[in-house]
Structure formats: C-alpha cells, structure tokens
Amino acid sequence: MNHWLFQGNPKYYKILAAIQDFEQMPWRVTRYAKEITVGDGVLIWMAGPEAGIYAIAQIIAPPQMLTEIPDRSYWIDKSTMGNRPQAQIRFTHKFIEKPLLRSHLKQDTILKDLAVLRQPNATNFKVTPQQWQRVNELTT
C-alpha cells in the first residue's frame, strides 16, 4: 500500500466545499498514475495562505479519464477540468475546522520533510509510511 498527498488550489477549485459536500469524489492525477492503486491512503492538502491537510481519504478506483465530471460546479477554472486522469477517493476523516496547517507541519520533526513543503508546485506527492503514521497520530 502506498500513501499520497493530493493538493488542491482554491484559486482553481472549491476544495473546502468539495471536502464538506462529498463522501467520495474524483481527484486529478498529474503524476504517479501507474503507482496509485485501490486501497492507497491519501492526505488532502489545500494550497494558499491557509495551506495544510484538511482530510484523509482512500483510493477506491484507479486513475482514469472520466466522461462525466461529477464535481463540475466546484471547478473555478474549467479550462483544465477533465484533461487528466482522475482517481476516485473516499473520505475517511475530515477536519476542515481543525486542519493540520503548514505552519505547524514545518515544526514537526517528521512532517517537516513532506514534499509539498519543499516543492509545492504539483498535484500529487508521495508520502512516507512514517509521515502517514504521524498525520494519523495527530488527527485521532
């Protein structure tokens, strides 16, 4: 089983509303499509001034091109909607009111090395088993 961090940018997508409104949803995959498999764990990251981890999810369907976009109304920038494969995720924990913010994660001895903190210009990132475990410790 692999672990991932999927990033959403509120400039282009209504990420907090989507986390709140959906139990499962598609998520854009721009890299690692062949490695992302059913059962993998996913940390959901929101970019921007309040950047951080806002939910935990699980992959329930591998990345594939979609013919119908169920979250169409959540896309602010519709020009990029549907032009990449999307993995189906199911949320297992949502903590919109108490996210793990970037400012705190940078101080954590394990989470300070999250790839999104070093090179934030991507959508999908690998997460180590230790990082995954640490997030779960902090959110339970």
N, C-alpha and C. Protein backbone atom coordinates (compact mmCIF):
# COMPACT_ATOMS: atom_id res chain seq x y z
N MET A 1 0.84 -1.19 0.00
CA MET A 1 0.00 0.00 0.00
C MET A 1 0.88 1.25 0.00
N ASN A 2 0.54 2.19 -0.86
CA ASN A 2 1.25 3.46 -0.93
C ASN A 2 0.44 4.55 -0.24
N HIS A 3 1.12 5.66 0.03
CA HIS A 3 0.47 6.81 0.64
C HIS A 3 0.79 8.03 -0.19
N TRP A 4 -0.19 8.91 -0.31
CA TRP A 4 -0.09 10.06 -1.19
C TRP A 4 -0.59 11.32 -0.51
N LEU A 5 -0.19 12.45 -1.07
CA LEU A 5 -0.77 13.73 -0.72
C LEU A 5 -1.28 14.33 -2.02
N PHE A 6 -2.58 14.64 -2.05
CA PHE A 6 -3.19 15.27 -3.21
C PHE A 6 -3.48 16.72 -2.85
N GLN A 7 -2.98 17.62 -3.68
CA GLN A 7 -3.11 19.05 -3.41
C GLN A 7 -4.21 19.68 -4.28
N GLY A 8 -4.98 20.55 -3.67
CA GLY A 8 -5.97 21.33 -4.39
C GLY A 8 -5.72 22.81 -4.14
N ASN A 9 -5.89 23.60 -5.18
CA ASN A 9 -5.64 25.04 -5.07
C ASN A 9 -6.97 25.78 -5.11
N PRO A 10 -7.30 26.53 -4.06
CA PRO A 10 -8.59 27.23 -4.03
C PRO A 10 -8.74 28.33 -5.08
N LYS A 11 -7.65 28.67 -5.77
CA LYS A 11 -7.76 29.62 -6.88
C LYS A 11 -8.48 28.98 -8.07
N TYR A 12 -8.39 27.64 -8.16
CA TYR A 12 -8.92 26.92 -9.31
C TYR A 12 -10.07 25.97 -8.98
N TYR A 13 -10.21 25.64 -7.69
CA TYR A 13 -11.17 24.60 -7.30
C TYR A 13 -11.70 24.90 -5.90
N LYS A 14 -12.99 24.74 -5.69
CA LYS A 14 -13.62 24.98 -4.38
C LYS A 14 -13.37 23.78 -3.47
N ILE A 15 -12.14 23.66 -3.01
CA ILE A 15 -11.70 22.46 -2.32
C ILE A 15 -12.41 22.24 -0.98
N LEU A 16 -12.55 23.28 -0.18
CA LEU A 16 -13.20 23.09 1.13
C LEU A 16 -14.66 22.70 0.97
N ALA A 17 -15.35 23.31 0.03
CA ALA A 17 -16.75 22.95 -0.22
C ALA A 17 -16.85 21.51 -0.69
N ALA A 18 -15.91 21.08 -1.55
CA ALA A 18 -15.94 19.70 -2.06
C ALA A 18 -15.70 18.70 -0.92
N ILE A 19 -14.73 19.00 -0.06
CA ILE A 19 -14.48 18.10 1.08
C ILE A 19 -15.74 18.00 1.94
N GLN A 20 -16.38 19.13 2.17
CA GLN A 20 -17.56 19.14 3.01
C GLN A 20 -18.74 18.42 2.35
N ASP A 21 -18.93 18.62 1.05
CA ASP A 21 -20.12 18.13 0.37
C ASP A 21 -20.07 16.68 -0.10
N PHE A 22 -18.87 16.17 -0.40
CA PHE A 22 -18.77 14.83 -0.96
C PHE A 22 -18.29 13.81 0.07
N GLU A 23 -18.78 12.59 -0.07
CA GLU A 23 -18.23 11.46 0.68
C GLU A 23 -17.16 10.77 -0.17
N GLN A 24 -17.38 10.80 -1.48
CA GLN A 24 -16.38 10.31 -2.43
C GLN A 24 -16.42 11.21 -3.65
N MET A 25 -15.26 11.30 -4.32
CA MET A 25 -15.15 12.22 -5.46
C MET A 25 -13.91 11.88 -6.28
N PRO A 26 -13.85 12.39 -7.51
CA PRO A 26 -12.64 12.20 -8.31
C PRO A 26 -11.58 13.23 -7.91
N TRP A 27 -10.31 12.84 -8.07
CA TRP A 27 -9.21 13.79 -7.83
C TRP A 27 -8.22 13.68 -8.97
N ARG A 28 -7.84 14.79 -9.49
CA ARG A 28 -6.93 14.87 -10.64
C ARG A 28 -5.57 14.23 -10.32
N VAL A 29 -5.08 13.46 -11.26
CA VAL A 29 -3.77 12.81 -11.12
C VAL A 29 -2.88 13.29 -12.25
N THR A 30 -1.82 14.01 -11.88
CA THR A 30 -0.91 14.56 -12.89
C THR A 30 0.40 13.78 -12.97
N ARG A 31 0.67 12.96 -11.96
CA ARG A 31 1.85 12.10 -11.98
C ARG A 31 1.60 10.91 -11.06
N TYR A 32 2.40 9.88 -11.22
CA TYR A 32 2.30 8.63 -10.46
C TYR A 32 1.04 7.82 -10.77
N ALA A 33 0.41 8.06 -11.90
CA ALA A 33 -0.85 7.39 -12.22
C ALA A 33 -0.72 5.87 -12.19
N LYS A 34 0.42 5.34 -12.62
CA LYS A 34 0.60 3.89 -12.66
C LYS A 34 0.87 3.30 -11.28
N GLU A 35 1.25 4.15 -10.32
CA GLU A 35 1.56 3.68 -8.97
C GLU A 35 0.38 3.81 -8.00
N ILE A 36 -0.57 4.66 -8.32
CA ILE A 36 -1.72 4.89 -7.44
C ILE A 36 -2.72 3.76 -7.64
N THR A 37 -3.02 3.04 -6.55
CA THR A 37 -3.88 1.87 -6.66
C THR A 37 -4.97 1.88 -5.58
N VAL A 38 -6.00 1.08 -5.82
CA VAL A 38 -7.11 0.95 -4.87
C VAL A 38 -6.56 0.54 -3.51
N GLY A 39 -7.03 1.21 -2.47
CA GLY A 39 -6.60 0.92 -1.10
C GLY A 39 -5.53 1.86 -0.59
N ASP A 40 -4.86 2.59 -1.48
CA ASP A 40 -3.84 3.55 -1.05
C ASP A 40 -4.48 4.65 -0.21
N GLY A 41 -3.69 5.17 0.73
CA GLY A 41 -4.15 6.28 1.56
C GLY A 41 -3.76 7.62 0.96
N VAL A 42 -4.60 8.63 1.20
CA VAL A 42 -4.39 9.96 0.62
C VAL A 42 -4.61 11.04 1.67
N LEU A 43 -3.64 11.95 1.78
CA LEU A 43 -3.80 13.17 2.57
C LEU A 43 -4.28 14.25 1.61
N ILE A 44 -5.30 15.00 2.00
CA ILE A 44 -5.84 16.06 1.15
C ILE A 44 -5.33 17.40 1.64
N TRP A 45 -4.58 18.07 0.79
CA TRP A 45 -3.90 19.33 1.10
C TRP A 45 -4.55 20.48 0.34
N MET A 46 -4.81 21.57 1.06
CA MET A 46 -5.26 22.79 0.40
C MET A 46 -4.09 23.76 0.34
N ALA A 47 -3.82 24.28 -0.84
CA ALA A 47 -2.76 25.28 -1.03
C ALA A 47 -3.26 26.65 -0.58
N GLY A 48 -2.35 27.64 -0.59
CA GLY A 48 -2.75 29.01 -0.30
C GLY A 48 -2.34 29.48 1.08
N PRO A 49 -2.86 30.62 1.51
CA PRO A 49 -2.47 31.21 2.79
C PRO A 49 -2.78 30.32 4.00
N GLU A 50 -3.84 29.54 3.91
CA GLU A 50 -4.22 28.62 5.00
C GLU A 50 -3.87 27.18 4.62
N ALA A 51 -2.74 27.00 3.96
CA ALA A 51 -2.33 25.68 3.46
C ALA A 51 -2.20 24.67 4.58
N GLY A 52 -2.58 23.44 4.26
CA GLY A 52 -2.44 22.37 5.22
C GLY A 52 -3.25 21.15 4.81
N ILE A 53 -3.28 20.17 5.70
CA ILE A 53 -4.01 18.91 5.48
C ILE A 53 -5.41 19.07 6.07
N TYR A 54 -6.42 18.87 5.24
CA TYR A 54 -7.81 19.09 5.63
C TYR A 54 -8.64 17.82 5.68
N ALA A 55 -8.09 16.72 5.18
CA ALA A 55 -8.84 15.46 5.18
C ALA A 55 -7.90 14.30 4.88
N ILE A 56 -8.40 13.11 5.17
CA ILE A 56 -7.72 11.87 4.82
C ILE A 56 -8.72 11.05 4.00
N ALA A 57 -8.21 10.40 2.98
CA ALA A 57 -9.08 9.62 2.09
C ALA A 57 -8.40 8.33 1.69
N GLN A 58 -9.14 7.52 0.94
CA GLN A 58 -8.62 6.25 0.43
C GLN A 58 -8.97 6.17 -1.05
N ILE A 59 -8.05 5.63 -1.84
CA ILE A 59 -8.32 5.42 -3.27
C ILE A 59 -9.32 4.26 -3.40
N ILE A 60 -10.42 4.52 -4.11
CA ILE A 60 -11.42 3.46 -4.31
C ILE A 60 -11.53 3.06 -5.79
N ALA A 61 -10.91 3.84 -6.67
CA ALA A 61 -10.83 3.47 -8.10
C ALA A 61 -9.57 4.10 -8.66
N PRO A 62 -8.82 3.36 -9.47
CA PRO A 62 -7.55 3.88 -10.01
C PRO A 62 -7.76 5.04 -10.97
N PRO A 63 -6.69 5.79 -11.24
CA PRO A 63 -6.80 6.93 -12.17
C PRO A 63 -7.28 6.50 -13.55
N GLN A 64 -8.23 7.26 -14.08
CA GLN A 64 -8.74 7.03 -15.42
C GLN A 64 -9.37 8.31 -15.93
N MET A 65 -9.49 8.42 -17.23
CA MET A 65 -10.17 9.57 -17.83
C MET A 65 -11.67 9.42 -17.57
N LEU A 66 -12.30 10.51 -17.19
CA LEU A 66 -13.73 10.48 -16.92
C LEU A 66 -14.51 11.09 -18.07
N THR A 67 -15.65 10.49 -18.37
CA THR A 67 -16.53 11.06 -19.40
C THR A 67 -17.51 12.04 -18.78
N GLU A 68 -17.86 11.81 -17.51
CA GLU A 68 -18.73 12.74 -16.79
C GLU A 68 -17.96 13.26 -15.58
N ILE A 69 -18.07 14.54 -15.32
CA ILE A 69 -17.35 15.19 -14.22
C ILE A 69 -18.37 15.51 -13.12
N PRO A 70 -18.43 14.69 -12.06
CA PRO A 70 -19.45 14.89 -11.03
C PRO A 70 -19.24 16.16 -10.19
N ASP A 71 -18.02 16.68 -10.17
CA ASP A 71 -17.73 17.88 -9.38
C ASP A 71 -17.55 19.12 -10.25
N ARG A 72 -18.17 19.12 -11.42
CA ARG A 72 -18.03 20.21 -12.39
C ARG A 72 -18.28 21.59 -11.78
N SER A 73 -19.27 21.72 -10.94
CA SER A 73 -19.63 23.03 -10.38
C SER A 73 -18.60 23.54 -9.36
N TYR A 74 -17.68 22.69 -8.94
CA TYR A 74 -16.67 23.09 -7.96
C TYR A 74 -15.41 23.66 -8.63
N TRP A 75 -15.30 23.44 -9.93
CA TRP A 75 -14.14 23.96 -10.68
C TRP A 75 -14.34 25.43 -10.96
N ILE A 76 -13.41 26.26 -10.54
CA ILE A 76 -13.43 27.69 -10.83
C ILE A 76 -12.82 27.92 -12.21
N ASP A 77 -11.70 27.25 -12.48
CA ASP A 77 -11.04 27.30 -13.78
C ASP A 77 -11.43 26.04 -14.54
N LYS A 78 -12.45 26.13 -15.36
CA LYS A 78 -12.96 24.96 -16.07
C LYS A 78 -12.09 24.56 -17.26
N SER A 79 -11.08 25.36 -17.60
CA SER A 79 -10.23 25.05 -18.76
C SER A 79 -9.38 23.80 -18.55
N THR A 80 -9.09 23.46 -17.31
CA THR A 80 -8.26 22.28 -17.04
C THR A 80 -9.07 21.09 -16.54
N MET A 81 -10.35 21.28 -16.38
CA MET A 81 -11.22 20.23 -15.86
C MET A 81 -11.29 19.05 -16.83
N GLY A 82 -11.01 17.87 -16.35
CA GLY A 82 -11.19 16.67 -17.16
C GLY A 82 -10.11 16.38 -18.17
N ASN A 83 -9.01 17.14 -18.19
CA ASN A 83 -7.97 16.89 -19.19
C ASN A 83 -6.88 15.96 -18.67
N ARG A 84 -7.04 15.41 -17.49
CA ARG A 84 -6.10 14.46 -16.89
C ARG A 84 -6.87 13.31 -16.28
N PRO A 85 -6.22 12.16 -16.08
CA PRO A 85 -6.90 11.07 -15.38
C PRO A 85 -7.27 11.52 -13.96
N GLN A 86 -8.30 10.89 -13.43
CA GLN A 86 -8.71 11.19 -12.06
C GLN A 86 -8.91 9.88 -11.30
N ALA A 87 -8.40 9.86 -10.07
CA ALA A 87 -8.61 8.73 -9.18
C ALA A 87 -9.84 9.01 -8.34
N GLN A 88 -10.60 7.99 -8.07
CA GLN A 88 -11.77 8.15 -7.21
C GLN A 88 -11.31 7.95 -5.76
N ILE A 89 -11.65 8.92 -4.89
CA ILE A 89 -11.29 8.81 -3.48
C ILE A 89 -12.55 8.80 -2.62
N ARG A 90 -12.43 8.19 -1.45
CA ARG A 90 -13.50 8.23 -0.43
C ARG A 90 -12.89 8.82 0.83
N PHE A 91 -13.52 9.83 1.37
CA PHE A 91 -13.02 10.45 2.59
C PHE A 91 -13.23 9.52 3.78
N THR A 92 -12.20 9.41 4.60
CA THR A 92 -12.31 8.62 5.83
C THR A 92 -12.29 9.51 7.07
N HIS A 93 -11.65 10.68 6.96
CA HIS A 93 -11.61 11.67 8.04
C HIS A 93 -11.61 13.06 7.42
N LYS A 94 -12.45 13.92 7.97
CA LYS A 94 -12.47 15.33 7.54
C LYS A 94 -12.23 16.18 8.77
N PHE A 95 -11.34 17.14 8.66
CA PHE A 95 -11.09 18.05 9.78
C PHE A 95 -10.92 19.47 9.26
N ILE A 96 -11.94 19.93 8.56
CA ILE A 96 -11.94 21.27 7.96
C ILE A 96 -11.80 22.35 9.03
N GLU A 97 -12.42 22.13 10.17
CA GLU A 97 -12.39 23.13 11.24
C GLU A 97 -11.05 23.16 11.98
N LYS A 98 -10.34 22.03 11.98
CA LYS A 98 -9.05 21.95 12.68
C LYS A 98 -8.01 21.28 11.79
N PRO A 99 -7.65 21.91 10.67
CA PRO A 99 -6.67 21.30 9.77
C PRO A 99 -5.27 21.30 10.39
N LEU A 100 -4.42 20.46 9.81
CA LEU A 100 -3.01 20.48 10.18
C LEU A 100 -2.34 21.50 9.26
N LEU A 101 -2.15 22.70 9.76
CA LEU A 101 -1.66 23.80 8.93
C LEU A 101 -0.17 23.69 8.64
N ARG A 102 0.19 24.21 7.48
CA ARG A 102 1.59 24.21 7.03
C ARG A 102 2.53 24.76 8.10
N SER A 103 2.13 25.84 8.76
CA SER A 103 2.99 26.47 9.78
C SER A 103 3.33 25.50 10.91
N HIS A 104 2.38 24.65 11.28
CA HIS A 104 2.63 23.65 12.33
C HIS A 104 3.42 22.45 11.80
N LEU A 105 3.11 22.05 10.58
CA LEU A 105 3.78 20.89 9.99
C LEU A 105 5.27 21.15 9.81
N LYS A 106 5.63 22.38 9.51
CA LYS A 106 7.04 22.73 9.33
C LYS A 106 7.84 22.57 10.62
N GLN A 107 7.16 22.58 11.76
CA GLN A 107 7.81 22.45 13.06
C GLN A 107 7.91 20.99 13.52
N ASP A 108 7.16 20.10 12.86
CA ASP A 108 7.14 18.70 13.26
C ASP A 108 8.38 17.97 12.73
N THR A 109 9.02 17.18 13.58
CA THR A 109 10.28 16.53 13.19
C THR A 109 10.10 15.55 12.02
N ILE A 110 8.93 14.98 11.85
CA ILE A 110 8.68 14.03 10.76
C ILE A 110 8.03 14.72 9.56
N LEU A 111 7.05 15.55 9.82
CA LEU A 111 6.26 16.13 8.73
C LEU A 111 6.93 17.33 8.05
N LYS A 112 7.97 17.87 8.65
CA LYS A 112 8.67 19.00 8.02
C LYS A 112 9.29 18.61 6.68
N ASP A 113 9.43 17.30 6.44
CA ASP A 113 10.02 16.82 5.19
C ASP A 113 8.98 16.43 4.13
N LEU A 114 7.71 16.74 4.36
CA LEU A 114 6.71 16.48 3.32
C LEU A 114 7.13 17.18 2.02
N ALA A 115 7.03 16.47 0.92
CA ALA A 115 7.46 17.02 -0.36
C ALA A 115 6.71 18.30 -0.72
N VAL A 116 5.45 18.40 -0.35
CA VAL A 116 4.67 19.59 -0.67
C VAL A 116 5.22 20.84 0.02
N LEU A 117 5.94 20.67 1.11
CA LEU A 117 6.54 21.82 1.80
C LEU A 117 7.81 22.30 1.10
N ARG A 118 8.47 21.38 0.41
CA ARG A 118 9.73 21.71 -0.27
C ARG A 118 9.51 22.15 -1.71
N GLN A 119 8.60 21.48 -2.40
CA GLN A 119 8.33 21.75 -3.81
C GLN A 119 6.82 21.72 -4.03
N PRO A 120 6.13 22.81 -3.71
CA PRO A 120 4.66 22.79 -3.70
C PRO A 120 3.97 22.86 -5.05
N ASN A 121 4.71 22.97 -6.14
CA ASN A 121 4.07 23.16 -7.44
C ASN A 121 3.75 21.86 -8.16
N ALA A 122 2.90 21.05 -7.54
CA ALA A 122 2.43 19.80 -8.15
C ALA A 122 1.07 19.47 -7.56
N THR A 123 0.46 18.42 -8.06
CA THR A 123 -0.84 17.99 -7.55
C THR A 123 -0.72 16.75 -6.69
N ASN A 124 0.15 15.83 -7.06
CA ASN A 124 0.27 14.55 -6.36
C ASN A 124 1.69 14.36 -5.84
N PHE A 125 1.79 13.94 -4.59
CA PHE A 125 3.09 13.75 -3.94
C PHE A 125 3.11 12.40 -3.22
N LYS A 126 4.27 11.79 -3.15
CA LYS A 126 4.44 10.59 -2.35
C LYS A 126 4.57 10.98 -0.88
N VAL A 127 4.06 10.12 0.00
CA VAL A 127 4.15 10.30 1.45
C VAL A 127 4.78 9.04 2.01
N THR A 128 5.74 9.18 2.92
CA THR A 128 6.39 8.01 3.51
C THR A 128 5.46 7.36 4.54
N PRO A 129 5.70 6.08 4.86
CA PRO A 129 4.90 5.44 5.91
C PRO A 129 5.00 6.18 7.25
N GLN A 130 6.18 6.72 7.56
CA GLN A 130 6.35 7.46 8.81
C GLN A 130 5.53 8.74 8.81
N GLN A 131 5.50 9.45 7.69
CA GLN A 131 4.70 10.67 7.59
C GLN A 131 3.21 10.34 7.70
N TRP A 132 2.78 9.28 7.03
CA TRP A 132 1.39 8.84 7.09
C TRP A 132 1.00 8.53 8.54
N GLN A 133 1.84 7.78 9.23
CA GLN A 133 1.56 7.41 10.62
C GLN A 133 1.48 8.66 11.51
N ARG A 134 2.39 9.60 11.29
CA ARG A 134 2.42 10.81 12.11
C ARG A 134 1.15 11.64 11.92
N VAL A 135 0.69 11.79 10.69
CA VAL A 135 -0.57 12.52 10.45
C VAL A 135 -1.71 11.83 11.17
N ASN A 136 -1.77 10.51 11.10
CA ASN A 136 -2.83 9.79 11.78
C ASN A 136 -2.75 9.95 13.29
N GLU A 137 -1.56 10.01 13.84
CA GLU A 137 -1.40 10.25 15.27
C GLU A 137 -1.94 11.63 15.65
N LEU A 138 -1.69 12.62 14.82
CA LEU A 138 -2.10 13.99 15.12
C LEU A 138 -3.59 14.25 14.91
N THR A 139 -4.25 13.38 14.17
CA THR A 139 -5.67 13.62 13.84
C THR A 139 -6.63 12.69 14.55
N THR A 140 -6.11 11.81 15.40
CA THR A 140 -7.02 10.91 16.12
C THR A 140 -7.04 11.22 17.59
